[in-house]
Amino acid sequence: MIAGESSKDKSTKSGYRTMLLSVLMSAPGPIILGLGLRVGHSSTQISDFTRRSAELLALIVAFAVYAYTNSRTDILPEERTAVEKKGNTFTGIIMCVSGASMILVTLLSGDSDKGNVVPALAVSLLGVIANSLFWRKYSALYKSQGNSILGVQARLYRAKSLVDGCVTAALLSVLFFPGSAASGIVDAAGSLLVSVYMIRSGIVTIKEQLV
């Protein structure tokens, strides 16, 4: 019994550290991209800034919910479930809002010079690596704990890793073929793909909380 409780405590602490690390590692992204928007303004770059800012807010809320529900020893199962569902629903809404805002930005963006996209490209490349690692970590933690917050984070990071791959490809096309019709199409397509995937993931997450 004691060994089981010790193992559970270790898993909970691992989840806490993982969520805190994901918040800390996600925080610089919006700042770097925000500064990068001063020299570059591709639609994918702008939408990626919007996405990362919204996701950071969702991560902070998820971390707060996880820390709150696991720090209380007197919390009832019904209360835990209710709080976790609110946190997960908020994450789903953020994903949908983020995706919708990206579609709007893409449709309203013009064909002007996209500028320097190197800062955004660096962030997206690092994002592919970091988000893939977090995806695997959250999946393992969810399998171990069965905590819905961790399960939703695994889905979020799966989306983030795939989206970053798409963003990287789009920004590479802008970098190597600036001003070309092909790079403009890939840039817009990358932004729209980001949007659709995020909205779909958000809707699935919200629906699960209504059960």
N, C-alpha and C. Protein backbone atom coordinates (compact mmCIF):
# COMPACT_ATOMS: atom_id res chain seq x y z
N MET A 1 0.84 -1.21 0.00
CA MET A 1 0.00 0.00 0.00
C MET A 1 0.86 1.24 0.00
N ILE A 2 1.89 1.23 0.87
CA ILE A 2 2.77 2.38 0.95
C ILE A 2 3.53 2.57 -0.34
N ALA A 3 4.01 1.39 -0.90
CA ALA A 3 4.74 1.47 -2.16
C ALA A 3 3.87 2.03 -3.26
N GLY A 4 2.58 1.63 -3.26
CA GLY A 4 1.66 2.13 -4.28
C GLY A 4 1.45 3.62 -4.15
N GLU A 5 1.30 4.08 -2.91
CA GLU A 5 1.12 5.51 -2.68
C GLU A 5 2.38 6.28 -3.07
N SER A 6 3.53 5.73 -2.79
CA SER A 6 4.79 6.37 -3.14
C SER A 6 4.91 6.51 -4.66
N SER A 7 4.52 5.46 -5.37
CA SER A 7 4.58 5.48 -6.83
C SER A 7 3.61 6.52 -7.40
N LYS A 8 2.44 6.63 -6.77
CA LYS A 8 1.45 7.60 -7.21
C LYS A 8 1.95 9.02 -6.97
N ASP A 9 2.56 9.23 -5.80
CA ASP A 9 3.10 10.55 -5.48
C ASP A 9 4.19 10.95 -6.47
N LYS A 10 5.06 9.98 -6.82
CA LYS A 10 6.12 10.26 -7.78
C LYS A 10 5.55 10.63 -9.14
N SER A 11 4.51 9.92 -9.55
CA SER A 11 3.88 10.19 -10.84
C SER A 11 3.23 11.57 -10.85
N THR A 12 2.59 11.92 -9.72
CA THR A 12 1.95 13.24 -9.61
C THR A 12 2.99 14.35 -9.67
N LYS A 13 4.11 14.15 -8.96
CA LYS A 13 5.18 15.15 -8.97
C LYS A 13 5.79 15.27 -10.36
N SER A 14 5.89 14.14 -11.06
CA SER A 14 6.41 14.16 -12.43
C SER A 14 5.47 14.95 -13.34
N GLY A 15 4.16 14.77 -13.14
CA GLY A 15 3.18 15.53 -13.92
C GLY A 15 3.27 17.01 -13.62
N TYR A 16 3.44 17.34 -12.35
CA TYR A 16 3.57 18.75 -11.95
C TYR A 16 4.80 19.39 -12.59
N ARG A 17 5.93 18.69 -12.53
CA ARG A 17 7.16 19.23 -13.11
C ARG A 17 7.05 19.36 -14.63
N THR A 18 6.41 18.38 -15.26
CA THR A 18 6.26 18.42 -16.71
C THR A 18 5.40 19.60 -17.14
N MET A 19 4.30 19.84 -16.43
CA MET A 19 3.41 20.94 -16.78
C MET A 19 4.09 22.29 -16.53
N LEU A 20 4.83 22.39 -15.42
CA LEU A 20 5.54 23.63 -15.14
C LEU A 20 6.60 23.88 -16.20
N LEU A 21 7.32 22.83 -16.59
CA LEU A 21 8.34 22.98 -17.63
C LEU A 21 7.74 23.38 -18.96
N SER A 22 6.58 22.81 -19.28
CA SER A 22 5.94 23.14 -20.56
C SER A 22 5.50 24.60 -20.58
N VAL A 23 5.04 25.12 -19.43
CA VAL A 23 4.66 26.54 -19.36
C VAL A 23 5.89 27.42 -19.53
N LEU A 24 6.97 27.08 -18.82
CA LEU A 24 8.19 27.89 -18.89
C LEU A 24 8.81 27.87 -20.29
N MET A 25 8.76 26.72 -20.96
CA MET A 25 9.35 26.63 -22.29
C MET A 25 8.46 27.28 -23.35
N SER A 26 7.16 27.34 -23.08
CA SER A 26 6.25 27.96 -24.05
C SER A 26 6.23 29.48 -23.94
N ALA A 27 6.59 30.00 -22.77
CA ALA A 27 6.51 31.44 -22.52
C ALA A 27 7.35 32.29 -23.48
N PRO A 28 8.60 31.90 -23.80
CA PRO A 28 9.41 32.75 -24.68
C PRO A 28 8.90 32.82 -26.12
N GLY A 29 8.17 31.78 -26.57
CA GLY A 29 7.71 31.73 -27.95
C GLY A 29 6.95 32.96 -28.41
N PRO A 30 5.85 33.33 -27.72
CA PRO A 30 5.10 34.52 -28.12
C PRO A 30 5.94 35.80 -28.09
N ILE A 31 6.88 35.88 -27.13
CA ILE A 31 7.73 37.07 -27.03
C ILE A 31 8.65 37.18 -28.24
N ILE A 32 9.30 36.05 -28.59
CA ILE A 32 10.21 36.05 -29.73
C ILE A 32 9.46 36.33 -31.02
N LEU A 33 8.31 35.68 -31.18
CA LEU A 33 7.52 35.90 -32.40
C LEU A 33 6.98 37.32 -32.45
N GLY A 34 6.59 37.87 -31.28
CA GLY A 34 6.11 39.24 -31.25
C GLY A 34 7.17 40.21 -31.70
N LEU A 35 8.41 40.00 -31.24
CA LEU A 35 9.51 40.85 -31.69
C LEU A 35 9.82 40.61 -33.16
N GLY A 36 9.68 39.34 -33.57
CA GLY A 36 9.94 39.01 -34.97
C GLY A 36 8.96 39.65 -35.93
N LEU A 37 7.75 39.95 -35.45
CA LEU A 37 6.75 40.58 -36.30
C LEU A 37 7.15 42.00 -36.70
N ARG A 38 8.16 42.55 -36.05
CA ARG A 38 8.63 43.89 -36.40
C ARG A 38 9.42 43.86 -37.71
N VAL A 39 9.93 42.67 -38.08
CA VAL A 39 10.73 42.56 -39.31
C VAL A 39 10.11 41.59 -40.31
N GLY A 40 9.19 40.79 -39.87
CA GLY A 40 8.54 39.84 -40.78
C GLY A 40 7.06 39.77 -40.49
N HIS A 41 6.26 39.55 -41.56
CA HIS A 41 4.81 39.57 -41.34
C HIS A 41 4.09 38.64 -42.31
N SER A 42 4.59 37.41 -42.45
CA SER A 42 3.86 36.44 -43.25
C SER A 42 2.60 36.05 -42.49
N SER A 43 1.60 35.58 -43.22
CA SER A 43 0.34 35.22 -42.56
C SER A 43 0.55 34.05 -41.60
N THR A 44 1.42 33.09 -41.99
CA THR A 44 1.71 31.97 -41.11
C THR A 44 2.41 32.44 -39.85
N GLN A 45 3.33 33.40 -40.00
CA GLN A 45 4.06 33.94 -38.85
C GLN A 45 3.12 34.65 -37.88
N ILE A 46 2.21 35.44 -38.41
CA ILE A 46 1.25 36.16 -37.57
C ILE A 46 0.31 35.18 -36.87
N SER A 47 -0.18 34.21 -37.63
CA SER A 47 -1.11 33.25 -37.05
C SER A 47 -0.41 32.37 -36.01
N ASP A 48 0.87 32.07 -36.24
CA ASP A 48 1.61 31.28 -35.27
C ASP A 48 1.80 32.05 -33.97
N PHE A 49 2.00 33.36 -34.06
CA PHE A 49 2.10 34.20 -32.87
C PHE A 49 0.79 34.17 -32.08
N THR A 50 -0.32 34.28 -32.81
CA THR A 50 -1.65 34.22 -32.18
C THR A 50 -1.87 32.87 -31.51
N ARG A 51 -1.51 31.82 -32.23
CA ARG A 51 -1.69 30.47 -31.70
C ARG A 51 -0.88 30.25 -30.43
N ARG A 52 0.38 30.60 -30.45
CA ARG A 52 1.25 30.35 -29.30
C ARG A 52 0.82 31.17 -28.08
N SER A 53 0.35 32.38 -28.32
CA SER A 53 -0.11 33.22 -27.21
C SER A 53 -1.33 32.59 -26.55
N ALA A 54 -2.28 32.13 -27.38
CA ALA A 54 -3.49 31.50 -26.84
C ALA A 54 -3.16 30.19 -26.13
N GLU A 55 -2.26 29.42 -26.71
CA GLU A 55 -1.90 28.13 -26.11
C GLU A 55 -1.18 28.32 -24.78
N LEU A 56 -0.37 29.38 -24.68
CA LEU A 56 0.31 29.66 -23.42
C LEU A 56 -0.71 29.92 -22.31
N LEU A 57 -1.75 30.66 -22.63
CA LEU A 57 -2.80 30.93 -21.66
C LEU A 57 -3.49 29.63 -21.25
N ALA A 58 -3.75 28.76 -22.22
CA ALA A 58 -4.39 27.48 -21.92
C ALA A 58 -3.50 26.60 -21.05
N LEU A 59 -2.20 26.63 -21.31
CA LEU A 59 -1.25 25.84 -20.52
C LEU A 59 -1.21 26.31 -19.07
N ILE A 60 -1.25 27.62 -18.88
CA ILE A 60 -1.22 28.19 -17.53
C ILE A 60 -2.46 27.75 -16.75
N VAL A 61 -3.62 27.80 -17.41
CA VAL A 61 -4.86 27.40 -16.75
C VAL A 61 -4.82 25.90 -16.42
N ALA A 62 -4.34 25.08 -17.36
CA ALA A 62 -4.27 23.64 -17.14
C ALA A 62 -3.32 23.32 -15.98
N PHE A 63 -2.21 24.03 -15.92
CA PHE A 63 -1.24 23.83 -14.84
C PHE A 63 -1.86 24.19 -13.49
N ALA A 64 -2.60 25.30 -13.47
CA ALA A 64 -3.24 25.75 -12.23
C ALA A 64 -4.28 24.73 -11.76
N VAL A 65 -5.06 24.18 -12.70
CA VAL A 65 -6.07 23.19 -12.35
C VAL A 65 -5.41 21.92 -11.83
N TYR A 66 -4.36 21.47 -12.50
CA TYR A 66 -3.66 20.25 -12.08
C TYR A 66 -3.06 20.43 -10.69
N ALA A 67 -2.42 21.55 -10.46
CA ALA A 67 -1.80 21.82 -9.17
C ALA A 67 -2.85 21.90 -8.06
N TYR A 68 -3.99 22.54 -8.38
CA TYR A 68 -5.05 22.70 -7.38
C TYR A 68 -5.67 21.36 -7.00
N THR A 69 -6.04 20.57 -8.00
CA THR A 69 -6.74 19.31 -7.72
C THR A 69 -5.84 18.28 -7.05
N ASN A 70 -4.53 18.37 -7.29
CA ASN A 70 -3.62 17.39 -6.70
C ASN A 70 -3.02 17.84 -5.38
N SER A 71 -3.22 19.12 -5.04
CA SER A 71 -2.70 19.62 -3.76
C SER A 71 -3.71 19.44 -2.63
N ARG A 72 -4.97 19.21 -2.98
CA ARG A 72 -6.02 19.05 -1.98
C ARG A 72 -6.27 17.58 -1.69
N THR A 73 -6.07 17.20 -0.46
CA THR A 73 -6.31 15.81 -0.06
C THR A 73 -7.78 15.56 0.28
N ASP A 74 -8.52 16.66 0.50
CA ASP A 74 -9.92 16.52 0.89
C ASP A 74 -10.89 16.71 -0.28
N ILE A 75 -10.36 16.85 -1.49
CA ILE A 75 -11.23 17.12 -2.63
C ILE A 75 -12.05 15.88 -2.98
N LEU A 76 -13.33 16.07 -3.22
CA LEU A 76 -14.22 14.97 -3.58
C LEU A 76 -14.06 14.63 -5.05
N PRO A 77 -14.28 13.39 -5.43
CA PRO A 77 -14.15 12.98 -6.84
C PRO A 77 -15.02 13.83 -7.77
N GLU A 78 -16.24 14.15 -7.31
CA GLU A 78 -17.14 14.95 -8.14
C GLU A 78 -16.59 16.36 -8.36
N GLU A 79 -16.01 16.92 -7.30
CA GLU A 79 -15.43 18.26 -7.42
C GLU A 79 -14.21 18.25 -8.33
N ARG A 80 -13.37 17.22 -8.18
CA ARG A 80 -12.19 17.10 -9.02
C ARG A 80 -12.58 17.03 -10.51
N THR A 81 -13.57 16.19 -10.78
CA THR A 81 -14.02 16.02 -12.16
C THR A 81 -14.57 17.31 -12.73
N ALA A 82 -15.36 18.03 -11.91
CA ALA A 82 -15.95 19.28 -12.37
C ALA A 82 -14.88 20.33 -12.69
N VAL A 83 -13.89 20.45 -11.81
CA VAL A 83 -12.82 21.43 -12.02
C VAL A 83 -11.99 21.06 -13.25
N GLU A 84 -11.68 19.76 -13.39
CA GLU A 84 -10.87 19.32 -14.53
C GLU A 84 -11.62 19.54 -15.85
N LYS A 85 -12.93 19.31 -15.83
CA LYS A 85 -13.72 19.52 -17.05
C LYS A 85 -13.73 21.00 -17.45
N LYS A 86 -13.80 21.88 -16.46
CA LYS A 86 -13.76 23.32 -16.77
C LYS A 86 -12.41 23.70 -17.38
N GLY A 87 -11.34 23.16 -16.81
CA GLY A 87 -10.02 23.45 -17.35
C GLY A 87 -9.85 22.91 -18.76
N ASN A 88 -10.31 21.69 -18.99
CA ASN A 88 -10.21 21.09 -20.31
C ASN A 88 -11.08 21.81 -21.34
N THR A 89 -12.28 22.23 -20.90
CA THR A 89 -13.16 22.98 -21.79
C THR A 89 -12.52 24.30 -22.20
N PHE A 90 -11.88 24.96 -21.24
CA PHE A 90 -11.19 26.22 -21.53
C PHE A 90 -10.09 25.99 -22.56
N THR A 91 -9.34 24.90 -22.40
CA THR A 91 -8.29 24.58 -23.37
C THR A 91 -8.89 24.35 -24.75
N GLY A 92 -10.00 23.63 -24.81
CA GLY A 92 -10.67 23.39 -26.09
C GLY A 92 -11.15 24.68 -26.74
N ILE A 93 -11.72 25.57 -25.93
CA ILE A 93 -12.20 26.86 -26.46
C ILE A 93 -11.03 27.68 -26.99
N ILE A 94 -9.93 27.70 -26.24
CA ILE A 94 -8.74 28.44 -26.68
C ILE A 94 -8.24 27.91 -28.02
N MET A 95 -8.26 26.61 -28.19
CA MET A 95 -7.82 26.00 -29.45
C MET A 95 -8.72 26.44 -30.60
N CYS A 96 -10.03 26.48 -30.35
CA CYS A 96 -10.97 26.90 -31.39
C CYS A 96 -10.81 28.38 -31.73
N VAL A 97 -10.71 29.21 -30.70
CA VAL A 97 -10.54 30.66 -30.90
C VAL A 97 -9.24 30.94 -31.64
N SER A 98 -8.19 30.23 -31.25
CA SER A 98 -6.89 30.40 -31.90
C SER A 98 -6.98 30.04 -33.38
N GLY A 99 -7.61 28.92 -33.68
CA GLY A 99 -7.76 28.50 -35.07
C GLY A 99 -8.59 29.47 -35.88
N ALA A 100 -9.69 29.95 -35.30
CA ALA A 100 -10.56 30.90 -36.00
C ALA A 100 -9.84 32.21 -36.29
N SER A 101 -9.06 32.68 -35.33
CA SER A 101 -8.34 33.94 -35.52
C SER A 101 -7.29 33.80 -36.61
N MET A 102 -6.69 32.61 -36.72
CA MET A 102 -5.70 32.38 -37.76
C MET A 102 -6.33 32.42 -39.16
N ILE A 103 -7.53 31.85 -39.27
CA ILE A 103 -8.24 31.89 -40.56
C ILE A 103 -8.52 33.33 -40.96
N LEU A 104 -8.96 34.13 -40.00
CA LEU A 104 -9.27 35.54 -40.27
C LEU A 104 -8.03 36.29 -40.73
N VAL A 105 -6.92 36.09 -40.04
CA VAL A 105 -5.67 36.77 -40.40
C VAL A 105 -5.22 36.37 -41.80
N THR A 106 -5.34 35.08 -42.12
CA THR A 106 -4.92 34.59 -43.43
C THR A 106 -5.75 35.20 -44.54
N LEU A 107 -7.07 35.26 -44.33
CA LEU A 107 -7.96 35.79 -45.36
C LEU A 107 -7.77 37.30 -45.56
N LEU A 108 -7.37 38.00 -44.50
CA LEU A 108 -7.22 39.45 -44.58
C LEU A 108 -5.81 39.88 -44.98
N SER A 109 -4.85 38.92 -44.97
CA SER A 109 -3.48 39.30 -45.31
C SER A 109 -3.34 39.53 -46.80
N GLY A 110 -2.47 40.47 -47.14
CA GLY A 110 -2.26 40.81 -48.54
C GLY A 110 -1.08 40.08 -49.12
N ASP A 111 -0.63 40.56 -50.30
CA ASP A 111 0.50 39.93 -51.00
C ASP A 111 1.77 40.76 -50.88
N SER A 112 1.86 41.61 -49.84
CA SER A 112 3.03 42.45 -49.66
C SER A 112 4.24 41.62 -49.24
N ASP A 113 5.41 42.24 -49.24
CA ASP A 113 6.64 41.57 -48.85
C ASP A 113 6.51 40.99 -47.44
N LYS A 114 6.90 39.74 -47.30
CA LYS A 114 6.74 39.04 -46.03
C LYS A 114 7.83 39.39 -45.02
N GLY A 115 8.93 39.96 -45.48
CA GLY A 115 9.99 40.36 -44.56
C GLY A 115 10.80 39.18 -44.03
N ASN A 116 11.48 39.38 -42.92
CA ASN A 116 12.37 38.38 -42.34
C ASN A 116 11.59 37.42 -41.46
N VAL A 117 11.56 36.15 -41.86
CA VAL A 117 10.80 35.15 -41.11
C VAL A 117 11.73 34.22 -40.31
N VAL A 118 13.02 34.54 -40.27
CA VAL A 118 13.99 33.68 -39.58
C VAL A 118 13.66 33.48 -38.10
N PRO A 119 13.30 34.54 -37.33
CA PRO A 119 12.95 34.32 -35.91
C PRO A 119 11.82 33.31 -35.73
N ALA A 120 10.77 33.45 -36.55
CA ALA A 120 9.64 32.53 -36.45
C ALA A 120 10.04 31.13 -36.87
N LEU A 121 10.92 31.02 -37.87
CA LEU A 121 11.38 29.72 -38.34
C LEU A 121 12.18 29.00 -37.25
N ALA A 122 13.02 29.74 -36.55
CA ALA A 122 13.81 29.16 -35.46
C ALA A 122 12.89 28.63 -34.36
N VAL A 123 11.87 29.40 -34.03
CA VAL A 123 10.93 28.99 -32.98
C VAL A 123 10.17 27.73 -33.40
N SER A 124 9.73 27.68 -34.66
CA SER A 124 8.95 26.53 -35.13
C SER A 124 9.81 25.27 -35.19
N LEU A 125 11.07 25.39 -35.58
CA LEU A 125 11.96 24.23 -35.63
C LEU A 125 12.17 23.65 -34.23
N LEU A 126 12.43 24.54 -33.27
CA LEU A 126 12.58 24.09 -31.89
C LEU A 126 11.26 23.52 -31.37
N GLY A 127 10.16 24.10 -31.84
CA GLY A 127 8.84 23.63 -31.43
C GLY A 127 8.57 22.20 -31.85
N VAL A 128 9.00 21.84 -33.05
CA VAL A 128 8.80 20.47 -33.54
C VAL A 128 9.46 19.47 -32.58
N ILE A 129 10.68 19.79 -32.17
CA ILE A 129 11.44 18.89 -31.28
C ILE A 129 10.83 18.87 -29.88
N ALA A 130 10.67 20.06 -29.28
CA ALA A 130 10.18 20.14 -27.89
C ALA A 130 8.76 19.60 -27.76
N ASN A 131 7.88 19.97 -28.67
CA ASN A 131 6.49 19.55 -28.57
C ASN A 131 6.33 18.05 -28.78
N SER A 132 7.16 17.46 -29.63
CA SER A 132 7.11 16.01 -29.83
C SER A 132 7.51 15.28 -28.54
N LEU A 133 8.52 15.82 -27.85
CA LEU A 133 8.96 15.22 -26.58
C LEU A 133 7.87 15.36 -25.51
N PHE A 134 7.24 16.53 -25.44
CA PHE A 134 6.17 16.74 -24.46
C PHE A 134 4.96 15.86 -24.79
N TRP A 135 4.68 15.67 -26.06
CA TRP A 135 3.57 14.81 -26.49
C TRP A 135 3.78 13.40 -25.93
N ARG A 136 5.00 12.87 -26.09
CA ARG A 136 5.30 11.53 -25.59
C ARG A 136 5.24 11.49 -24.05
N LYS A 137 5.74 12.54 -23.41
CA LYS A 137 5.75 12.56 -21.94
C LYS A 137 4.34 12.63 -21.38
N TYR A 138 3.51 13.51 -21.94
CA TYR A 138 2.13 13.63 -21.46
C TYR A 138 1.34 12.35 -21.73
N SER A 139 1.60 11.71 -22.85
CA SER A 139 0.91 10.45 -23.17
C SER A 139 1.26 9.38 -22.14
N ALA A 140 2.55 9.33 -21.76
CA ALA A 140 2.98 8.35 -20.76
C ALA A 140 2.38 8.66 -19.39
N LEU A 141 2.34 9.94 -19.03
CA LEU A 141 1.77 10.33 -17.74
C LEU A 141 0.27 10.05 -17.69
N TYR A 142 -0.42 10.30 -18.80
CA TYR A 142 -1.86 10.04 -18.86
C TYR A 142 -2.13 8.54 -18.72
N LYS A 143 -1.30 7.73 -19.35
CA LYS A 143 -1.45 6.28 -19.25
C LYS A 143 -1.22 5.82 -17.82
N SER A 144 -0.31 6.49 -17.12
CA SER A 144 0.02 6.12 -15.75
C SER A 144 -1.02 6.59 -14.75
N GLN A 145 -1.52 7.84 -14.92
CA GLN A 145 -2.42 8.44 -13.94
C GLN A 145 -3.89 8.40 -14.33
N GLY A 146 -4.15 8.45 -15.64
CA GLY A 146 -5.54 8.52 -16.09
C GLY A 146 -6.16 9.87 -15.85
N ASN A 147 -5.33 10.90 -15.58
CA ASN A 147 -5.82 12.25 -15.32
C ASN A 147 -6.22 12.92 -16.63
N SER A 148 -7.46 13.42 -16.71
CA SER A 148 -7.96 13.98 -17.96
C SER A 148 -7.20 15.23 -18.39
N ILE A 149 -6.69 15.99 -17.42
CA ILE A 149 -5.89 17.18 -17.75
C ILE A 149 -4.67 16.77 -18.56
N LEU A 150 -4.00 15.70 -18.13
CA LEU A 150 -2.82 15.21 -18.83
C LEU A 150 -3.19 14.66 -20.20
N GLY A 151 -4.36 14.02 -20.30
CA GLY A 151 -4.80 13.50 -21.58
C GLY A 151 -5.04 14.60 -22.60
N VAL A 152 -5.66 15.69 -22.16
CA VAL A 152 -5.92 16.82 -23.05
C VAL A 152 -4.60 17.49 -23.44
N GLN A 153 -3.65 17.56 -22.50
CA GLN A 153 -2.35 18.14 -22.82
C GLN A 153 -1.61 17.28 -23.85
N ALA A 154 -1.77 15.97 -23.76
CA ALA A 154 -1.16 15.08 -24.76
C ALA A 154 -1.73 15.38 -26.13
N ARG A 155 -3.04 15.59 -26.21
CA ARG A 155 -3.67 15.93 -27.49
C ARG A 155 -3.21 17.29 -27.98
N LEU A 156 -3.12 18.25 -27.06
CA LEU A 156 -2.68 19.58 -27.44
C LEU A 156 -1.27 19.55 -28.01
N TYR A 157 -0.39 18.81 -27.35
CA TYR A 157 1.00 18.76 -27.81
C TYR A 157 1.16 17.93 -29.07
N ARG A 158 0.29 16.97 -29.29
CA ARG A 158 0.30 16.27 -30.57
C ARG A 158 -0.05 17.25 -31.68
N ALA A 159 -1.07 18.06 -31.44
CA ALA A 159 -1.46 19.08 -32.42
C ALA A 159 -0.34 20.09 -32.62
N LYS A 160 0.28 20.51 -31.51
CA LYS A 160 1.34 21.51 -31.59
C LYS A 160 2.54 20.99 -32.39
N SER A 161 2.91 19.72 -32.20
CA SER A 161 4.06 19.18 -32.92
C SER A 161 3.78 19.07 -34.42
N LEU A 162 2.57 18.62 -34.77
CA LEU A 162 2.21 18.51 -36.18
C LEU A 162 2.07 19.89 -36.82
N VAL A 163 1.51 20.82 -36.08
CA VAL A 163 1.33 22.18 -36.59
C VAL A 163 2.67 22.86 -36.79
N ASP A 164 3.60 22.67 -35.85
CA ASP A 164 4.92 23.27 -36.00
C ASP A 164 5.64 22.74 -37.23
N GLY A 165 5.42 21.47 -37.54
CA GLY A 165 6.00 20.92 -38.76
C GLY A 165 5.45 21.62 -39.98
N CYS A 166 4.15 21.88 -39.97
CA CYS A 166 3.50 22.58 -41.07
C CYS A 166 4.00 24.02 -41.17
N VAL A 167 4.10 24.70 -40.03
CA VAL A 167 4.57 26.08 -39.99
C VAL A 167 6.02 26.17 -40.50
N THR A 168 6.85 25.21 -40.11
CA THR A 168 8.24 25.19 -40.56
C THR A 168 8.32 25.10 -42.08
N ALA A 169 7.53 24.20 -42.66
CA ALA A 169 7.54 24.04 -44.11
C ALA A 169 7.08 25.32 -44.81
N ALA A 170 6.05 25.96 -44.26
CA ALA A 170 5.53 27.18 -44.87
C ALA A 170 6.56 28.31 -44.81
N LEU A 171 7.20 28.47 -43.65
CA LEU A 171 8.17 29.55 -43.49
C LEU A 171 9.44 29.30 -44.29
N LEU A 172 9.80 28.03 -44.47
CA LEU A 172 10.95 27.70 -45.32
C LEU A 172 10.70 28.11 -46.75
N SER A 173 9.46 27.91 -47.20
CA SER A 173 9.12 28.30 -48.57
C SER A 173 9.20 29.82 -48.74
N VAL A 174 8.78 30.57 -47.71
CA VAL A 174 8.86 32.02 -47.76
C VAL A 174 10.32 32.48 -47.73
N LEU A 175 11.14 31.78 -46.93
CA LEU A 175 12.55 32.15 -46.78
C LEU A 175 13.34 31.92 -48.07
N PHE A 176 13.13 30.76 -48.70
CA PHE A 176 13.92 30.42 -49.88
C PHE A 176 13.31 30.90 -51.19
N PHE A 177 12.01 31.18 -51.19
CA PHE A 177 11.37 31.67 -52.41
C PHE A 177 10.53 32.91 -52.10
N PRO A 178 11.19 33.97 -51.58
CA PRO A 178 10.46 35.18 -51.19
C PRO A 178 9.77 35.86 -52.37
N GLY A 179 8.53 36.24 -52.16
CA GLY A 179 7.81 36.98 -53.19
C GLY A 179 7.24 36.14 -54.30
N SER A 180 7.54 34.84 -54.32
CA SER A 180 7.03 33.99 -55.40
C SER A 180 5.57 33.60 -55.13
N ALA A 181 4.88 33.29 -56.21
CA ALA A 181 3.47 32.89 -56.08
C ALA A 181 3.37 31.58 -55.29
N ALA A 182 4.34 30.69 -55.51
CA ALA A 182 4.32 29.40 -54.84
C ALA A 182 4.47 29.56 -53.33
N SER A 183 5.40 30.44 -52.90
CA SER A 183 5.60 30.64 -51.46
C SER A 183 4.37 31.27 -50.83
N GLY A 184 3.70 32.15 -51.58
CA GLY A 184 2.47 32.76 -51.06
C GLY A 184 1.38 31.74 -50.84
N ILE A 185 1.27 30.81 -51.78
CA ILE A 185 0.25 29.76 -51.67
C ILE A 185 0.56 28.83 -50.50
N VAL A 186 1.84 28.42 -50.39
CA VAL A 186 2.24 27.53 -49.30
C VAL A 186 2.07 28.21 -47.95
N ASP A 187 2.41 29.52 -47.91
CA ASP A 187 2.27 30.28 -46.68
C ASP A 187 0.82 30.31 -46.22
N ALA A 188 -0.09 30.63 -47.15
CA ALA A 188 -1.52 30.69 -46.81
C ALA A 188 -2.06 29.30 -46.47
N ALA A 189 -1.62 28.29 -47.24
CA ALA A 189 -2.08 26.92 -47.00
C ALA A 189 -1.61 26.43 -45.63
N GLY A 190 -0.37 26.79 -45.26
CA GLY A 190 0.14 26.40 -43.96
C GLY A 190 -0.67 27.01 -42.84
N SER A 191 -1.01 28.28 -42.99
CA SER A 191 -1.80 28.96 -41.98
C SER A 191 -3.18 28.35 -41.84
N LEU A 192 -3.83 28.04 -42.97
CA LEU A 192 -5.17 27.46 -42.94
C LEU A 192 -5.16 26.05 -42.36
N LEU A 193 -4.10 25.29 -42.67
CA LEU A 193 -3.99 23.93 -42.13
C LEU A 193 -3.84 23.98 -40.61
N VAL A 194 -3.04 24.93 -40.14
CA VAL A 194 -2.90 25.15 -38.70
C VAL A 194 -4.27 25.41 -38.08
N SER A 195 -5.02 26.28 -38.73
CA SER A 195 -6.33 26.69 -38.21
C SER A 195 -7.30 25.53 -38.11
N VAL A 196 -7.44 24.79 -39.21
CA VAL A 196 -8.40 23.69 -39.26
C VAL A 196 -8.07 22.62 -38.23
N TYR A 197 -6.79 22.28 -38.11
CA TYR A 197 -6.38 21.24 -37.17
C TYR A 197 -6.64 21.66 -35.73
N MET A 198 -6.34 22.91 -35.43
CA MET A 198 -6.54 23.39 -34.07
C MET A 198 -8.04 23.43 -33.72
N ILE A 199 -8.86 23.89 -34.64
CA ILE A 199 -10.31 23.95 -34.41
C ILE A 199 -10.87 22.54 -34.20
N ARG A 200 -10.43 21.61 -35.04
CA ARG A 200 -10.91 20.23 -34.92
C ARG A 200 -10.53 19.64 -33.56
N SER A 201 -9.29 19.84 -33.15
CA SER A 201 -8.83 19.33 -31.86
C SER A 201 -9.60 19.98 -30.71
N GLY A 202 -9.88 21.28 -30.85
CA GLY A 202 -10.63 21.99 -29.82
C GLY A 202 -12.05 21.47 -29.69
N ILE A 203 -12.70 21.23 -30.82
CA ILE A 203 -14.08 20.73 -30.80
C ILE A 203 -14.15 19.34 -30.16
N VAL A 204 -13.20 18.48 -30.52
CA VAL A 204 -13.17 17.13 -29.93
C VAL A 204 -13.00 17.22 -28.41
N THR A 205 -12.11 18.11 -27.97
CA THR A 205 -11.86 18.28 -26.54
C THR A 205 -13.11 18.77 -25.81
N ILE A 206 -13.79 19.75 -26.38
CA ILE A 206 -14.99 20.30 -25.75
C ILE A 206 -16.10 19.23 -25.67
N LYS A 207 -16.28 18.47 -26.75
CA LYS A 207 -17.31 17.45 -26.77
C LYS A 207 -17.08 16.41 -25.68
N GLU A 208 -15.83 16.07 -25.45
CA GLU A 208 -15.52 15.06 -24.42
C GLU A 208 -15.92 15.52 -23.03
N GLN A 209 -15.89 16.82 -22.80
CA GLN A 209 -16.22 17.34 -21.47
C GLN A 209 -17.73 17.38 -21.23
N LEU A 210 -18.51 17.23 -22.28
CA LEU A 210 -19.97 17.29 -22.16
C LEU A 210 -20.58 15.93 -21.83
N VAL A 211 -19.74 14.91 -21.86
CA VAL A 211 -20.24 13.55 -21.58
C VAL A 211 -20.50 13.38 -20.08
